[in-house]
Amino acid sequence: NSPLAYPRYLRLSVHPDVEYKELLANYIEEHFSLIHCSSLVHSL
């Protein structure tokens, strides 16, 4: 789905592990279709 926006305190942006979020974004871009994952990569 589109990444969760509400309740706000559960958004991906709230998670403090910024380094892992970037690693995950790179992994998703490399291995899965961005047609379905672009909003996830953006939110990460």
PDB file of all heavy atoms in Angstrom:
ATOM      1  N   ASN A   1       0.846  -1.186   0.000  1.00  0.00           N
ATOM      2  CA  ASN A   1       0.000   0.000   0.000  1.00  0.00           C
ATOM      3  C   ASN A   1       0.885   1.240   0.000  1.00  0.00           C
ATOM      4  O   ASN A   1       2.103   1.161   0.187  1.00  0.00           O
ATOM      5  CB  ASN A   1      -0.866   0.036   1.265  1.00  0.00           C
ATOM      6  CG  ASN A   1      -1.997  -0.958   1.222  1.00  0.00           C
ATOM      7  OD1 ASN A   1      -2.427  -1.372   0.157  1.00  0.00           O
ATOM      8  ND2 ASN A   1      -2.475  -1.351   2.390  1.00  0.00           N
ATOM      9  N   SER A   2       0.254   2.392  -0.155  1.00  0.00           N
ATOM     10  CA  SER A   2       0.974   3.630   0.126  1.00  0.00           C
ATOM     11  C   SER A   2       1.393   3.595   1.593  1.00  0.00           C
ATOM     12  O   SER A   2       0.641   3.126   2.451  1.00  0.00           O
ATOM     13  CB  SER A   2       0.074   4.842  -0.121  1.00  0.00           C
ATOM     14  OG  SER A   2      -0.329   4.906  -1.466  1.00  0.00           O
ATOM     15  N   PRO A   3       2.591   4.045   1.923  1.00  0.00           N
ATOM     16  CA  PRO A   3       3.026   4.032   3.327  1.00  0.00           C
ATOM     17  C   PRO A   3       2.049   4.757   4.239  1.00  0.00           C
ATOM     18  O   PRO A   3       1.397   5.731   3.834  1.00  0.00           O
ATOM     19  CB  PRO A   3       4.377   4.751   3.270  1.00  0.00           C
ATOM     20  CG  PRO A   3       4.883   4.467   1.891  1.00  0.00           C
ATOM     21  CD  PRO A   3       3.660   4.513   1.021  1.00  0.00           C
ATOM     22  N   LEU A   4       1.949   4.283   5.443  1.00  0.00           N
ATOM     23  CA  LEU A   4       1.003   4.831   6.406  1.00  0.00           C
ATOM     24  C   LEU A   4       1.279   6.314   6.667  1.00  0.00           C
ATOM     25  O   LEU A   4       2.426   6.704   6.880  1.00  0.00           O
ATOM     26  CB  LEU A   4       1.086   4.030   7.709  1.00  0.00           C
ATOM     27  CG  LEU A   4       0.098   4.390   8.810  1.00  0.00           C
ATOM     28  CD1 LEU A   4      -0.362   3.127   9.535  1.00  0.00           C
ATOM     29  CD2 LEU A   4       0.721   5.351   9.817  1.00  0.00           C
ATOM     30  N   ALA A   5       0.211   7.102   6.647  1.00  0.00           N
ATOM     31  CA  ALA A   5       0.327   8.533   6.937  1.00  0.00           C
ATOM     32  C   ALA A   5      -0.298   8.895   8.287  1.00  0.00           C
ATOM     33  O   ALA A   5       0.139   9.841   8.937  1.00  0.00           O
ATOM     34  CB  ALA A   5      -0.325   9.355   5.827  1.00  0.00           C
ATOM     35  N   TYR A   6      -1.320   8.132   8.709  1.00  0.00           N
ATOM     36  CA  TYR A   6      -2.010   8.394   9.976  1.00  0.00           C
ATOM     37  C   TYR A   6      -2.288   7.079  10.690  1.00  0.00           C
ATOM     38  O   TYR A   6      -2.654   6.099  10.034  1.00  0.00           O
ATOM     39  CB  TYR A   6      -3.323   9.145   9.722  1.00  0.00           C
ATOM     40  CG  TYR A   6      -3.130  10.469   9.044  1.00  0.00           C
ATOM     41  CD1 TYR A   6      -3.365  10.594   7.679  1.00  0.00           C
ATOM     42  CD2 TYR A   6      -2.700  11.582   9.757  1.00  0.00           C
ATOM     43  CE1 TYR A   6      -3.168  11.806   7.033  1.00  0.00           C
ATOM     44  CE2 TYR A   6      -2.505  12.797   9.114  1.00  0.00           C
ATOM     45  CZ  TYR A   6      -2.739  12.900   7.758  1.00  0.00           C
ATOM     46  OH  TYR A   6      -2.537  14.098   7.123  1.00  0.00           O
ATOM     47  N   PRO A   7      -2.090   7.038  12.028  1.00  0.00           N
ATOM     48  CA  PRO A   7      -1.651   8.133  12.881  1.00  0.00           C
ATOM     49  C   PRO A   7      -0.202   8.534  12.589  1.00  0.00           C
ATOM     50  O   PRO A   7       0.622   7.675  12.275  1.00  0.00           O
ATOM     51  CB  PRO A   7      -1.791   7.579  14.297  1.00  0.00           C
ATOM     52  CG  PRO A   7      -1.708   6.103  14.134  1.00  0.00           C
ATOM     53  CD  PRO A   7      -2.322   5.800  12.802  1.00  0.00           C
ATOM     54  N   ARG A   8       0.068   9.812  12.717  1.00  0.00           N
ATOM     55  CA  ARG A   8       1.339  10.346  12.282  1.00  0.00           C
ATOM     56  C   ARG A   8       2.527   9.706  12.992  1.00  0.00           C
ATOM     57  O   ARG A   8       3.596   9.534  12.393  1.00  0.00           O
ATOM     58  CB  ARG A   8       1.372  11.870  12.495  1.00  0.00           C
ATOM     59  CG  ARG A   8       2.541  12.531  11.773  1.00  0.00           C
ATOM     60  CD  ARG A   8       2.839  13.937  12.211  1.00  0.00           C
ATOM     61  NE  ARG A   8       3.841  14.526  11.343  1.00  0.00           N
ATOM     62  CZ  ARG A   8       5.147  14.233  11.353  1.00  0.00           C
ATOM     63  NH1 ARG A   8       5.599  13.319  12.216  1.00  0.00           N
ATOM     64  NH2 ARG A   8       5.986  14.800  10.517  1.00  0.00           N
ATOM     65  N   TYR A   9       2.357   9.355  14.261  1.00  0.00           N
ATOM     66  CA  TYR A   9       3.500   8.854  15.034  1.00  0.00           C
ATOM     67  C   TYR A   9       3.978   7.479  14.551  1.00  0.00           C
ATOM     68  O   TYR A   9       5.021   6.995  14.999  1.00  0.00           O
ATOM     69  CB  TYR A   9       3.164   8.823  16.525  1.00  0.00           C
ATOM     70  CG  TYR A   9       2.355   7.640  17.008  1.00  0.00           C
ATOM     71  CD1 TYR A   9       2.966   6.593  17.688  1.00  0.00           C
ATOM     72  CD2 TYR A   9       0.977   7.560  16.802  1.00  0.00           C
ATOM     73  CE1 TYR A   9       2.242   5.509  18.145  1.00  0.00           C
ATOM     74  CE2 TYR A   9       0.242   6.486  17.257  1.00  0.00           C
ATOM     75  CZ  TYR A   9       0.876   5.463  17.927  1.00  0.00           C
ATOM     76  OH  TYR A   9       0.154   4.388  18.386  1.00  0.00           O
ATOM     77  N   LEU A  10       3.240   6.857  13.614  1.00  0.00           N
ATOM     78  CA  LEU A  10       3.657   5.570  13.062  1.00  0.00           C
ATOM     79  C   LEU A  10       4.220   5.689  11.644  1.00  0.00           C
ATOM     80  O   LEU A  10       4.463   4.675  10.987  1.00  0.00           O
ATOM     81  CB  LEU A  10       2.472   4.591  13.069  1.00  0.00           C
ATOM     82  CG  LEU A  10       2.006   4.116  14.450  1.00  0.00           C
ATOM     83  CD1 LEU A  10       0.815   3.176  14.314  1.00  0.00           C
ATOM     84  CD2 LEU A  10       3.136   3.423  15.208  1.00  0.00           C
ATOM     85  N   ARG A  11       4.443   6.902  11.177  1.00  0.00           N
ATOM     86  CA  ARG A  11       5.034   7.072   9.850  1.00  0.00           C
ATOM     87  C   ARG A  11       6.468   6.551   9.824  1.00  0.00           C
ATOM     88  O   ARG A  11       7.193   6.571  10.825  1.00  0.00           O
ATOM     89  CB  ARG A  11       5.050   8.553   9.454  1.00  0.00           C
ATOM     90  CG  ARG A  11       3.689   9.137   9.142  1.00  0.00           C
ATOM     91  CD  ARG A  11       3.802  10.591   8.732  1.00  0.00           C
ATOM     92  NE  ARG A  11       2.492  11.197   8.517  1.00  0.00           N
ATOM     93  CZ  ARG A  11       2.294  12.452   8.148  1.00  0.00           C
ATOM     94  NH1 ARG A  11       3.356  13.253   7.949  1.00  0.00           N
ATOM     95  NH2 ARG A  11       1.073  12.924   7.976  1.00  0.00           N
ATOM     96  N   LEU A  12       6.907   6.131   8.648  1.00  0.00           N
ATOM     97  CA  LEU A  12       8.291   5.679   8.476  1.00  0.00           C
ATOM     98  C   LEU A  12       9.292   6.769   8.836  1.00  0.00           C
ATOM     99  O   LEU A  12      10.376   6.480   9.364  1.00  0.00           O
ATOM    100  CB  LEU A  12       8.515   5.233   7.029  1.00  0.00           C
ATOM    101  CG  LEU A  12       7.924   3.877   6.632  1.00  0.00           C
ATOM    102  CD1 LEU A  12       7.971   3.713   5.120  1.00  0.00           C
ATOM    103  CD2 LEU A  12       8.659   2.729   7.312  1.00  0.00           C
ATOM    104  N   SER A  13       8.953   8.003   8.558  1.00  0.00           N
ATOM    105  CA  SER A  13       9.887   9.102   8.825  1.00  0.00           C
ATOM    106  C   SER A  13      10.197   9.252  10.310  1.00  0.00           C
ATOM    107  O   SER A  13      11.236   9.810  10.688  1.00  0.00           O
ATOM    108  CB  SER A  13       9.330  10.423   8.280  1.00  0.00           C
ATOM    109  OG  SER A  13       8.104  10.746   8.918  1.00  0.00           O
ATOM    110  N   VAL A  14       9.310   8.748  11.169  1.00  0.00           N
ATOM    111  CA  VAL A  14       9.510   8.855  12.619  1.00  0.00           C
ATOM    112  C   VAL A  14      10.601   7.906  13.105  1.00  0.00           C
ATOM    113  O   VAL A  14      11.293   8.194  14.086  1.00  0.00           O
ATOM    114  CB  VAL A  14       8.172   8.574  13.349  1.00  0.00           C
ATOM    115  CG1 VAL A  14       8.370   8.517  14.864  1.00  0.00           C
ATOM    116  CG2 VAL A  14       7.135   9.638  12.983  1.00  0.00           C
ATOM    117  N   HIS A  15      10.796   6.809  12.408  1.00  0.00           N
ATOM    118  CA  HIS A  15      11.795   5.813  12.837  1.00  0.00           C
ATOM    119  C   HIS A  15      13.197   6.430  12.818  1.00  0.00           C
ATOM    120  O   HIS A  15      13.618   7.012  11.820  1.00  0.00           O
ATOM    121  CB  HIS A  15      11.755   4.597  11.916  1.00  0.00           C
ATOM    122  CG  HIS A  15      12.324   3.364  12.524  1.00  0.00           C
ATOM    123  ND1 HIS A  15      13.654   3.259  12.902  1.00  0.00           N
ATOM    124  CD2 HIS A  15      11.759   2.172  12.837  1.00  0.00           C
ATOM    125  CE1 HIS A  15      13.870   2.054  13.407  1.00  0.00           C
ATOM    126  NE2 HIS A  15      12.743   1.370  13.379  1.00  0.00           N
ATOM    127  N   PRO A  16      13.960   6.299  13.910  1.00  0.00           N
ATOM    128  CA  PRO A  16      15.271   6.968  13.990  1.00  0.00           C
ATOM    129  C   PRO A  16      16.400   6.261  13.246  1.00  0.00           C
ATOM    130  O   PRO A  16      17.484   6.841  13.096  1.00  0.00           O
ATOM    131  CB  PRO A  16      15.555   6.988  15.492  1.00  0.00           C
ATOM    132  CG  PRO A  16      14.777   5.862  16.046  1.00  0.00           C
ATOM    133  CD  PRO A  16      13.553   5.712  15.205  1.00  0.00           C
ATOM    134  N   ASP A  17      16.185   5.044  12.747  1.00  0.00           N
ATOM    135  CA  ASP A  17      17.268   4.317  12.078  1.00  0.00           C
ATOM    136  C   ASP A  17      17.381   4.774  10.623  1.00  0.00           C
ATOM    137  O   ASP A  17      17.004   4.065   9.685  1.00  0.00           O
ATOM    138  CB  ASP A  17      17.018   2.812  12.153  1.00  0.00           C
ATOM    139  CG  ASP A  17      18.263   1.999  11.797  1.00  0.00           C
ATOM    140  OD1 ASP A  17      19.208   2.587  11.238  1.00  0.00           O
ATOM    141  OD2 ASP A  17      18.283   0.786  12.082  1.00  0.00           O
ATOM    142  N   VAL A  18      17.933   5.950  10.438  1.00  0.00           N
ATOM    143  CA  VAL A  18      18.040   6.569   9.114  1.00  0.00           C
ATOM    144  C   VAL A  18      18.948   5.760   8.199  1.00  0.00           C
ATOM    145  O   VAL A  18      18.673   5.613   6.996  1.00  0.00           O
ATOM    146  CB  VAL A  18      18.555   8.023   9.251  1.00  0.00           C
ATOM    147  CG1 VAL A  18      18.772   8.643   7.875  1.00  0.00           C
ATOM    148  CG2 VAL A  18      17.584   8.858  10.074  1.00  0.00           C
ATOM    149  N   GLU A  19      20.035   5.219   8.746  1.00  0.00           N
ATOM    150  CA  GLU A  19      20.977   4.447   7.942  1.00  0.00           C
ATOM    151  C   GLU A  19      20.306   3.215   7.339  1.00  0.00           C
ATOM    152  O   GLU A  19      20.475   2.918   6.150  1.00  0.00           O
ATOM    153  CB  GLU A  19      22.170   4.026   8.803  1.00  0.00           C
ATOM    154  CG  GLU A  19      23.219   3.236   8.033  1.00  0.00           C
ATOM    155  CD  GLU A  19      24.412   2.848   8.899  1.00  0.00           C
ATOM    156  OE1 GLU A  19      24.456   3.270  10.075  1.00  0.00           O
ATOM    157  OE2 GLU A  19      25.287   2.116   8.399  1.00  0.00           O
ATOM    158  N   TYR A  20      19.513   2.506   8.149  1.00  0.00           N
ATOM    159  CA  TYR A  20      18.836   1.314   7.631  1.00  0.00           C
ATOM    160  C   TYR A  20      17.792   1.691   6.580  1.00  0.00           C
ATOM    161  O   TYR A  20      17.618   0.979   5.585  1.00  0.00           O
ATOM    162  CB  TYR A  20      18.164   0.523   8.761  1.00  0.00           C
ATOM    163  CG  TYR A  20      17.454  -0.701   8.232  1.00  0.00           C
ATOM    164  CD1 TYR A  20      18.162  -1.855   7.939  1.00  0.00           C
ATOM    165  CD2 TYR A  20      16.084  -0.681   7.987  1.00  0.00           C
ATOM    166  CE1 TYR A  20      17.525  -2.972   7.423  1.00  0.00           C
ATOM    167  CE2 TYR A  20      15.433  -1.789   7.464  1.00  0.00           C
ATOM    168  CZ  TYR A  20      16.163  -2.933   7.185  1.00  0.00           C
ATOM    169  OH  TYR A  20      15.520  -4.040   6.651  1.00  0.00           O
ATOM    170  N   LYS A  21      17.097   2.789   6.784  1.00  0.00           N
ATOM    171  CA  LYS A  21      16.079   3.211   5.814  1.00  0.00           C
ATOM    172  C   LYS A  21      16.693   3.454   4.444  1.00  0.00           C
ATOM    173  O   LYS A  21      16.111   3.097   3.409  1.00  0.00           O
ATOM    174  CB  LYS A  21      15.338   4.457   6.328  1.00  0.00           C
ATOM    175  CG  LYS A  21      14.340   4.144   7.424  1.00  0.00           C
ATOM    176  CD  LYS A  21      13.443   5.313   7.772  1.00  0.00           C
ATOM    177  CE  LYS A  21      14.129   6.324   8.639  1.00  0.00           C
ATOM    178  NZ  LYS A  21      13.189   7.365   9.129  1.00  0.00           N
ATOM    179  N   GLU A  22      17.880   4.031   4.407  1.00  0.00           N
ATOM    180  CA  GLU A  22      18.553   4.260   3.128  1.00  0.00           C
ATOM    181  C   GLU A  22      18.985   2.930   2.507  1.00  0.00           C
ATOM    182  O   GLU A  22      18.850   2.726   1.289  1.00  0.00           O
ATOM    183  CB  GLU A  22      19.753   5.176   3.315  1.00  0.00           C
ATOM    184  CG  GLU A  22      20.516   5.498   2.027  1.00  0.00           C
ATOM    185  CD  GLU A  22      19.663   6.163   0.966  1.00  0.00           C
ATOM    186  OE1 GLU A  22      18.702   6.889   1.324  1.00  0.00           O
ATOM    187  OE2 GLU A  22      19.940   5.962  -0.240  1.00  0.00           O
ATOM    188  N   LEU A  23      19.493   2.023   3.310  1.00  0.00           N
ATOM    189  CA  LEU A  23      19.871   0.700   2.809  1.00  0.00           C
ATOM    190  C   LEU A  23      18.654  -0.029   2.239  1.00  0.00           C
ATOM    191  O   LEU A  23      18.736  -0.669   1.178  1.00  0.00           O
ATOM    192  CB  LEU A  23      20.496  -0.133   3.929  1.00  0.00           C
ATOM    193  CG  LEU A  23      21.894   0.282   4.398  1.00  0.00           C
ATOM    194  CD1 LEU A  23      22.298  -0.519   5.641  1.00  0.00           C
ATOM    195  CD2 LEU A  23      22.921   0.073   3.285  1.00  0.00           C
ATOM    196  N   LEU A  24      17.532   0.067   2.933  1.00  0.00           N
ATOM    197  CA  LEU A  24      16.314  -0.593   2.465  1.00  0.00           C
ATOM    198  C   LEU A  24      15.813   0.034   1.173  1.00  0.00           C
ATOM    199  O   LEU A  24      15.395  -0.672   0.245  1.00  0.00           O
ATOM    200  CB  LEU A  24      15.230  -0.523   3.544  1.00  0.00           C
ATOM    201  CG  LEU A  24      13.883  -1.166   3.187  1.00  0.00           C
ATOM    202  CD1 LEU A  24      14.050  -2.645   2.863  1.00  0.00           C
ATOM    203  CD2 LEU A  24      12.878  -0.971   4.330  1.00  0.00           C
ATOM    204  N   ALA A  25      15.859   1.357   1.078  1.00  0.00           N
ATOM    205  CA  ALA A  25      15.443   2.040  -0.148  1.00  0.00           C
ATOM    206  C   ALA A  25      16.284   1.571  -1.334  1.00  0.00           C
ATOM    207  O   ALA A  25      15.751   1.300  -2.426  1.00  0.00           O
ATOM    208  CB  ALA A  25      15.558   3.550   0.023  1.00  0.00           C
ATOM    209  N   ASN A  26      17.588   1.459  -1.127  1.00  0.00           N
ATOM    210  CA  ASN A  26      18.474   0.974  -2.193  1.00  0.00           C
ATOM    211  C   ASN A  26      18.138  -0.468  -2.580  1.00  0.00           C
ATOM    212  O   ASN A  26      18.138  -0.828  -3.767  1.00  0.00           O
ATOM    213  CB  ASN A  26      19.932   1.064  -1.748  1.00  0.00           C
ATOM    214  CG  ASN A  26      20.406   2.500  -1.586  1.00  0.00           C
ATOM    215  OD1 ASN A  26      19.840   3.418  -2.186  1.00  0.00           O
ATOM    216  ND2 ASN A  26      21.429   2.709  -0.779  1.00  0.00           N
ATOM    217  N   TYR A  27      17.856  -1.293  -1.578  1.00  0.00           N
ATOM    218  CA  TYR A  27      17.522  -2.698  -1.826  1.00  0.00           C
ATOM    219  C   TYR A  27      16.227  -2.822  -2.631  1.00  0.00           C
ATOM    220  O   TYR A  27      16.146  -3.608  -3.585  1.00  0.00           O
ATOM    221  CB  TYR A  27      17.395  -3.430  -0.490  1.00  0.00           C
ATOM    222  CG  TYR A  27      16.961  -4.875  -0.619  1.00  0.00           C
ATOM    223  CD1 TYR A  27      17.870  -5.868  -0.955  1.00  0.00           C
ATOM    224  CD2 TYR A  27      15.629  -5.246  -0.394  1.00  0.00           C
ATOM    225  CE1 TYR A  27      17.475  -7.190  -1.072  1.00  0.00           C
ATOM    226  CE2 TYR A  27      15.221  -6.557  -0.506  1.00  0.00           C
ATOM    227  CZ  TYR A  27      16.148  -7.527  -0.854  1.00  0.00           C
ATOM    228  OH  TYR A  27      15.745  -8.832  -0.977  1.00  0.00           O
ATOM    229  N   ILE A  28      15.224  -2.053  -2.242  1.00  0.00           N
ATOM    230  CA  ILE A  28      13.932  -2.084  -2.953  1.00  0.00           C
ATOM    231  C   ILE A  28      14.122  -1.628  -4.397  1.00  0.00           C
ATOM    232  O   ILE A  28      13.600  -2.247  -5.340  1.00  0.00           O
ATOM    233  CB  ILE A  28      12.898  -1.191  -2.239  1.00  0.00           C
ATOM    234  CG1 ILE A  28      12.565  -1.760  -0.852  1.00  0.00           C
ATOM    235  CG2 ILE A  28      11.641  -1.045  -3.086  1.00  0.00           C
ATOM    236  CD1 ILE A  28      11.846  -3.074  -0.855  1.00  0.00           C
ATOM    237  N   GLU A  29      14.879  -0.566  -4.599  1.00  0.00           N
ATOM    238  CA  GLU A  29      15.131  -0.070  -5.954  1.00  0.00           C
ATOM    239  C   GLU A  29      15.831  -1.116  -6.817  1.00  0.00           C
ATOM    240  O   GLU A  29      15.533  -1.260  -8.006  1.00  0.00           O
ATOM    241  CB  GLU A  29      15.993   1.192  -5.897  1.00  0.00           C
ATOM    242  CG  GLU A  29      15.238   2.448  -5.529  1.00  0.00           C
ATOM    243  CD  GLU A  29      16.130   3.675  -5.577  1.00  0.00           C
ATOM    244  OE1 GLU A  29      17.330   3.570  -5.234  1.00  0.00           O
ATOM    245  OE2 GLU A  29      15.625   4.736  -5.963  1.00  0.00           O
ATOM    246  N   GLU A  30      16.734  -1.854  -6.216  1.00  0.00           N
ATOM    247  CA  GLU A  30      17.537  -2.811  -6.974  1.00  0.00           C
ATOM    248  C   GLU A  30      16.776  -4.091  -7.317  1.00  0.00           C
ATOM    249  O   GLU A  30      16.966  -4.672  -8.385  1.00  0.00           O
ATOM    250  CB  GLU A  30      18.793  -3.172  -6.174  1.00  0.00           C
ATOM    251  CG  GLU A  30      19.739  -4.112  -6.904  1.00  0.00           C
ATOM    252  CD  GLU A  30      21.003  -4.394  -6.105  1.00  0.00           C
ATOM    253  OE1 GLU A  30      21.238  -3.698  -5.092  1.00  0.00           O
ATOM    254  OE2 GLU A  30      21.747  -5.313  -6.496  1.00  0.00           O
ATOM    255  N   HIS A  31      15.882  -4.521  -6.411  1.00  0.00           N
ATOM    256  CA  HIS A  31      15.300  -5.848  -6.557  1.00  0.00           C
ATOM    257  C   HIS A  31      13.822  -5.876  -6.923  1.00  0.00           C
ATOM    258  O   HIS A  31      13.312  -6.932  -7.330  1.00  0.00           O
ATOM    259  CB  HIS A  31      15.489  -6.648  -5.261  1.00  0.00           C
ATOM    260  CG  HIS A  31      16.906  -7.008  -4.976  1.00  0.00           C
ATOM    261  ND1 HIS A  31      17.750  -6.199  -4.240  1.00  0.00           N
ATOM    262  CD2 HIS A  31      17.652  -8.078  -5.350  1.00  0.00           C
ATOM    263  CE1 HIS A  31      18.939  -6.757  -4.160  1.00  0.00           C
ATOM    264  NE2 HIS A  31      18.912  -7.894  -4.814  1.00  0.00           N
ATOM    265  N   PHE A  32      13.105  -4.757  -6.800  1.00  0.00           N
ATOM    266  CA  PHE A  32      11.666  -4.801  -7.017  1.00  0.00           C
ATOM    267  C   PHE A  32      11.210  -3.657  -7.918  1.00  0.00           C
ATOM    268  O   PHE A  32      11.860  -2.622  -8.015  1.00  0.00           O
ATOM    269  CB  PHE A  32      10.920  -4.756  -5.671  1.00  0.00           C
ATOM    270  CG  PHE A  32      11.274  -5.909  -4.785  1.00  0.00           C
ATOM    271  CD1 PHE A  32      12.220  -5.754  -3.787  1.00  0.00           C
ATOM    272  CD2 PHE A  32      10.704  -7.155  -4.968  1.00  0.00           C
ATOM    273  CE1 PHE A  32      12.581  -6.813  -2.971  1.00  0.00           C
ATOM    274  CE2 PHE A  32      11.059  -8.230  -4.163  1.00  0.00           C
ATOM    275  CZ  PHE A  32      12.001  -8.059  -3.159  1.00  0.00           C
ATOM    276  N   SER A  33      10.063  -3.858  -8.528  1.00  0.00           N
ATOM    277  CA  SER A  33       9.543  -2.887  -9.485  1.00  0.00           C
ATOM    278  C   SER A  33       9.170  -1.583  -8.800  1.00  0.00           C
ATOM    279  O   SER A  33       8.363  -1.553  -7.866  1.00  0.00           O
ATOM    280  CB  SER A  33       8.303  -3.463 -10.180  1.00  0.00           C
ATOM    281  OG  SER A  33       7.654  -2.470 -10.942  1.00  0.00           O
ATOM    282  N   LEU A  34       9.722  -0.491  -9.303  1.00  0.00           N
ATOM    283  CA  LEU A  34       9.396   0.823  -8.733  1.00  0.00           C
ATOM    284  C   LEU A  34       7.987   1.273  -9.095  1.00  0.00           C
ATOM    285  O   LEU A  34       7.466   2.230  -8.525  1.00  0.00           O
ATOM    286  CB  LEU A  34      10.409   1.860  -9.208  1.00  0.00           C
ATOM    287  CG  LEU A  34      11.750   1.838  -8.465  1.00  0.00           C
ATOM    288  CD1 LEU A  34      12.669   2.918  -9.007  1.00  0.00           C
ATOM    289  CD2 LEU A  34      11.555   2.042  -6.977  1.00  0.00           C
ATOM    290  N   ILE A  35       7.371   0.573 -10.054  1.00  0.00           N
ATOM    291  CA  ILE A  35       5.977   0.886 -10.381  1.00  0.00           C
ATOM    292  C   ILE A  35       5.114   0.740  -9.137  1.00  0.00           C
ATOM    293  O   ILE A  35       4.183   1.499  -8.895  1.00  0.00           O
ATOM    294  CB  ILE A  35       5.468  -0.042 -11.498  1.00  0.00           C
ATOM    295  CG1 ILE A  35       6.228   0.208 -12.791  1.00  0.00           C
ATOM    296  CG2 ILE A  35       3.964   0.145 -11.716  1.00  0.00           C
ATOM    297  CD1 ILE A  35       5.884  -0.763 -13.895  1.00  0.00           C
ATOM    298  N   HIS A  36       5.448  -0.253  -8.317  1.00  0.00           N
ATOM    299  CA  HIS A  36       4.652  -0.535  -7.129  1.00  0.00           C
ATOM    300  C   HIS A  36       5.318  -0.063  -5.841  1.00  0.00           C
ATOM    301  O   HIS A  36       4.705  -0.141  -4.780  1.00  0.00           O
ATOM    302  CB  HIS A  36       4.372  -2.035  -7.035  1.00  0.00           C
ATOM    303  CG  HIS A  36       3.728  -2.607  -8.252  1.00  0.00           C
ATOM    304  ND1 HIS A  36       2.442  -2.286  -8.613  1.00  0.00           N
ATOM    305  CD2 HIS A  36       4.197  -3.451  -9.202  1.00  0.00           C
ATOM    306  CE1 HIS A  36       2.135  -2.923  -9.735  1.00  0.00           C
ATOM    307  NE2 HIS A  36       3.167  -3.628 -10.112  1.00  0.00           N
ATOM    308  N   CYS A  37       6.554   0.387  -5.908  1.00  0.00           N
ATOM    309  CA  CYS A  37       7.301   0.701  -4.691  1.00  0.00           C
ATOM    310  C   CYS A  37       7.829   2.135  -4.634  1.00  0.00           C
ATOM    311  O   CYS A  37       8.573   2.476  -3.712  1.00  0.00           O
ATOM    312  CB  CYS A  37       8.485  -0.258  -4.541  1.00  0.00           C
ATOM    313  SG  CYS A  37       8.029  -1.994  -4.440  1.00  0.00           S
ATOM    314  N   SER A  38       7.478   2.977  -5.585  1.00  0.00           N
ATOM    315  CA  SER A  38       8.056   4.320  -5.631  1.00  0.00           C
ATOM    316  C   SER A  38       7.700   5.143  -4.399  1.00  0.00           C
ATOM    317  O   SER A  38       8.543   5.870  -3.861  1.00  0.00           O
ATOM    318  CB  SER A  38       7.617   5.051  -6.904  1.00  0.00           C
ATOM    319  OG  SER A  38       6.210   5.147  -6.968  1.00  0.00           O
ATOM    320  N   SER A  39       6.438   5.043  -3.925  1.00  0.00           N
ATOM    321  CA  SER A  39       6.060   5.825  -2.745  1.00  0.00           C
ATOM    322  C   SER A  39       6.750   5.302  -1.496  1.00  0.00           C
ATOM    323  O   SER A  39       7.068   6.063  -0.576  1.00  0.00           O
ATOM    324  CB  SER A  39       4.544   5.826  -2.556  1.00  0.00           C
ATOM    325  OG  SER A  39       4.050   4.522  -2.341  1.00  0.00           O
ATOM    326  N   LEU A  40       7.004   3.985  -1.447  1.00  0.00           N
ATOM    327  CA  LEU A  40       7.744   3.421  -0.322  1.00  0.00           C
ATOM    328  C   LEU A  40       9.167   3.948  -0.307  1.00  0.00           C
ATOM    329  O   LEU A  40       9.671   4.389   0.739  1.00  0.00           O
ATOM    330  CB  LEU A  40       7.746   1.889  -0.421  1.00  0.00           C
ATOM    331  CG  LEU A  40       8.689   1.136   0.525  1.00  0.00           C
ATOM    332  CD1 LEU A  40       8.416   1.495   1.975  1.00  0.00           C
ATOM    333  CD2 LEU A  40       8.572  -0.365   0.300  1.00  0.00           C
ATOM    334  N   VAL A  41       9.834   3.922  -1.443  1.00  0.00           N
ATOM    335  CA  VAL A  41      11.202   4.431  -1.530  1.00  0.00           C
ATOM    336  C   VAL A  41      11.245   5.904  -1.145  1.00  0.00           C
ATOM    337  O   VAL A  41      12.132   6.349  -0.404  1.00  0.00           O
ATOM    338  CB  VAL A  41      11.777   4.209  -2.941  1.00  0.00           C
ATOM    339  CG1 VAL A  41      13.105   4.937  -3.110  1.00  0.00           C
ATOM    340  CG2 VAL A  41      11.949   2.711  -3.209  1.00  0.00           C
ATOM    341  N   HIS A  42      10.275   6.656  -1.633  1.00  0.00           N
ATOM    342  CA  HIS A  42      10.212   8.092  -1.282  1.00  0.00           C
ATOM    343  C   HIS A  42      10.094   8.277   0.230  1.00  0.00           C
ATOM    344  O   HIS A  42      10.810   9.094   0.825  1.00  0.00           O
ATOM    345  CB  HIS A  42       9.020   8.740  -1.983  1.00  0.00           C
ATOM    346  CG  HIS A  42       8.729  10.139  -1.509  1.00  0.00           C
ATOM    347  ND1 HIS A  42       9.359  11.243  -2.034  1.00  0.00           N
ATOM    348  CD2 HIS A  42       7.882  10.605  -0.541  1.00  0.00           C
ATOM    349  CE1 HIS A  42       8.918  12.330  -1.423  1.00  0.00           C
ATOM    350  NE2 HIS A  42       8.031  11.975  -0.512  1.00  0.00           N
ATOM    351  N   SER A  43       9.185   7.531   0.852  1.00  0.00           N
ATOM    352  CA  SER A  43       8.961   7.684   2.290  1.00  0.00           C
ATOM    353  C   SER A  43      10.177   7.275   3.110  1.00  0.00           C
ATOM    354  O   SER A  43      10.444   7.850   4.166  1.00  0.00           O
ATOM    355  CB  SER A  43       7.743   6.858   2.714  1.00  0.00           C
ATOM    356  OG  SER A  43       6.564   7.375   2.140  1.00  0.00           O
ATOM    357  N   LEU A  44      10.895   6.282   2.637  1.00  0.00           N
ATOM    358  CA  LEU A  44      12.110   5.856   3.344  1.00  0.00           C
ATOM    359  C   LEU A  44      13.180   6.943   3.328  1.00  0.00           C
ATOM    360  O   LEU A  44      14.037   6.997   4.221  1.00  0.00           O
ATOM    361  CB  LEU A  44      12.661   4.578   2.719  1.00  0.00           C
ATOM    362  CG  LEU A  44      11.855   3.303   2.964  1.00  0.00           C
ATOM    363  CD1 LEU A  44      12.339   2.175   2.060  1.00  0.00           C
ATOM    364  CD2 LEU A  44      11.943   2.877   4.432  1.00  0.00           C
TER     365      LEU A  44
END
